Amino acid sequence: MVSDDDDELVAVEVELPRELLAEIDELAVLEGYETPSAVVQEALDRG
């Protein structure tokens, strides 16, 4: 987790299975998430 005090940004590239991407899309629609990171975090937590 990156704190708000951290000035350095790091780019991360990942490959996700189609099933996980579909779950992310579903969560975004059903739960009304406002940021992509919140959607991804929820999907990963469900893991």
N, C-alpha and C. Protein backbone atom coordinates (compact mmCIF):
# COMPACT_ATOMS: atom_id res chain seq x y z
N MET A 1 0.84 -1.18 0.00
CA MET A 1 0.00 0.00 0.00
C MET A 1 0.89 1.24 0.00
N VAL A 2 0.53 2.23 -0.80
CA VAL A 2 1.30 3.46 -0.89
C VAL A 2 0.61 4.52 -0.04
N SER A 3 1.39 5.13 0.83
CA SER A 3 0.81 6.17 1.69
C SER A 3 0.71 7.48 0.92
N ASP A 4 -0.10 8.39 1.42
CA ASP A 4 -0.25 9.70 0.80
C ASP A 4 1.03 10.52 0.89
N ASP A 5 1.92 10.16 1.81
CA ASP A 5 3.16 10.90 2.00
C ASP A 5 4.24 10.48 1.02
N ASP A 6 4.03 9.41 0.27
CA ASP A 6 5.03 8.88 -0.65
C ASP A 6 4.96 9.64 -1.97
N ASP A 7 6.06 10.35 -2.31
CA ASP A 7 6.09 11.15 -3.54
C ASP A 7 6.49 10.34 -4.76
N GLU A 8 7.04 9.15 -4.58
CA GLU A 8 7.51 8.35 -5.69
C GLU A 8 6.41 7.43 -6.20
N LEU A 9 6.18 7.46 -7.51
CA LEU A 9 5.19 6.58 -8.13
C LEU A 9 5.92 5.47 -8.87
N VAL A 10 5.36 4.29 -8.82
CA VAL A 10 5.94 3.14 -9.50
C VAL A 10 4.88 2.54 -10.41
N ALA A 11 5.22 2.37 -11.68
CA ALA A 11 4.29 1.75 -12.64
C ALA A 11 4.38 0.24 -12.49
N VAL A 12 3.21 -0.40 -12.49
CA VAL A 12 3.15 -1.85 -12.36
C VAL A 12 2.26 -2.38 -13.48
N GLU A 13 2.76 -3.38 -14.19
CA GLU A 13 1.97 -4.01 -15.25
C GLU A 13 1.69 -5.45 -14.83
N VAL A 14 0.43 -5.83 -14.91
CA VAL A 14 0.05 -7.19 -14.54
C VAL A 14 -0.85 -7.79 -15.62
N GLU A 15 -0.86 -9.10 -15.68
CA GLU A 15 -1.79 -9.80 -16.54
C GLU A 15 -2.84 -10.44 -15.65
N LEU A 16 -4.11 -10.19 -15.98
CA LEU A 16 -5.21 -10.71 -15.19
C LEU A 16 -6.04 -11.67 -16.04
N PRO A 17 -6.52 -12.74 -15.43
CA PRO A 17 -7.39 -13.67 -16.16
C PRO A 17 -8.70 -12.97 -16.55
N ARG A 18 -9.27 -13.39 -17.67
CA ARG A 18 -10.53 -12.80 -18.14
C ARG A 18 -11.62 -12.89 -17.08
N GLU A 19 -11.64 -13.98 -16.33
CA GLU A 19 -12.65 -14.16 -15.29
C GLU A 19 -12.55 -13.06 -14.23
N LEU A 20 -11.34 -12.72 -13.85
CA LEU A 20 -11.15 -11.66 -12.86
C LEU A 20 -11.55 -10.31 -13.43
N LEU A 21 -11.22 -10.05 -14.69
CA LEU A 21 -11.62 -8.80 -15.31
C LEU A 21 -13.14 -8.68 -15.38
N ALA A 22 -13.80 -9.79 -15.67
CA ALA A 22 -15.27 -9.78 -15.70
C ALA A 22 -15.83 -9.48 -14.32
N GLU A 23 -15.20 -10.03 -13.28
CA GLU A 23 -15.65 -9.76 -11.91
C GLU A 23 -15.44 -8.29 -11.56
N ILE A 24 -14.34 -7.73 -12.00
CA ILE A 24 -14.08 -6.31 -11.76
C ILE A 24 -15.16 -5.45 -12.42
N ASP A 25 -15.48 -5.77 -13.67
CA ASP A 25 -16.53 -5.02 -14.37
C ASP A 25 -17.87 -5.15 -13.65
N GLU A 26 -18.19 -6.36 -13.20
CA GLU A 26 -19.45 -6.60 -12.50
C GLU A 26 -19.51 -5.79 -11.20
N LEU A 27 -18.42 -5.80 -10.45
CA LEU A 27 -18.38 -5.03 -9.21
C LEU A 27 -18.56 -3.54 -9.47
N ALA A 28 -17.93 -3.06 -10.51
CA ALA A 28 -18.03 -1.63 -10.83
C ALA A 28 -19.47 -1.23 -11.08
N VAL A 29 -20.19 -2.06 -11.81
CA VAL A 29 -21.59 -1.75 -12.13
C VAL A 29 -22.49 -1.92 -10.92
N LEU A 30 -22.37 -3.05 -10.25
CA LEU A 30 -23.28 -3.37 -9.15
C LEU A 30 -23.04 -2.54 -7.90
N GLU A 31 -21.79 -2.25 -7.61
CA GLU A 31 -21.47 -1.59 -6.35
C GLU A 31 -21.23 -0.09 -6.49
N GLY A 32 -21.18 0.42 -7.70
CA GLY A 32 -21.02 1.85 -7.91
C GLY A 32 -19.68 2.40 -7.45
N TYR A 33 -18.62 1.64 -7.63
CA TYR A 33 -17.29 2.13 -7.25
C TYR A 33 -16.92 3.35 -8.06
N GLU A 34 -16.19 4.27 -7.44
CA GLU A 34 -15.81 5.51 -8.09
C GLU A 34 -14.40 5.48 -8.65
N THR A 35 -13.56 4.58 -8.16
CA THR A 35 -12.18 4.52 -8.66
C THR A 35 -11.84 3.10 -9.08
N PRO A 36 -11.05 2.96 -10.14
CA PRO A 36 -10.65 1.62 -10.57
C PRO A 36 -9.89 0.86 -9.49
N SER A 37 -9.07 1.54 -8.70
CA SER A 37 -8.30 0.85 -7.68
C SER A 37 -9.20 0.22 -6.62
N ALA A 38 -10.30 0.86 -6.30
CA ALA A 38 -11.24 0.29 -5.32
C ALA A 38 -11.88 -0.97 -5.86
N VAL A 39 -12.18 -0.98 -7.15
CA VAL A 39 -12.76 -2.16 -7.78
C VAL A 39 -11.76 -3.30 -7.78
N VAL A 40 -10.54 -3.02 -8.18
CA VAL A 40 -9.50 -4.06 -8.24
C VAL A 40 -9.23 -4.60 -6.84
N GLN A 41 -9.13 -3.75 -5.85
CA GLN A 41 -8.86 -4.21 -4.48
C GLN A 41 -9.96 -5.14 -3.99
N GLU A 42 -11.20 -4.80 -4.23
CA GLU A 42 -12.32 -5.64 -3.81
C GLU A 42 -12.27 -7.00 -4.50
N ALA A 43 -11.99 -7.00 -5.79
CA ALA A 43 -11.91 -8.27 -6.54
C ALA A 43 -10.78 -9.13 -6.02
N LEU A 44 -9.63 -8.53 -5.74
CA LEU A 44 -8.50 -9.30 -5.22
C LEU A 44 -8.79 -9.83 -3.82
N ASP A 45 -9.48 -9.04 -3.01
CA ASP A 45 -9.85 -9.49 -1.67
C ASP A 45 -10.78 -10.69 -1.73
N ARG A 46 -11.65 -10.73 -2.73
CA ARG A 46 -12.55 -11.87 -2.89
C ARG A 46 -11.80 -13.12 -3.32
N GLY A 47 -10.65 -12.89 -4.02
CA GLY A 47 -9.74 -13.87 -4.54
C GLY A 47 -10.18 -15.24 -4.63
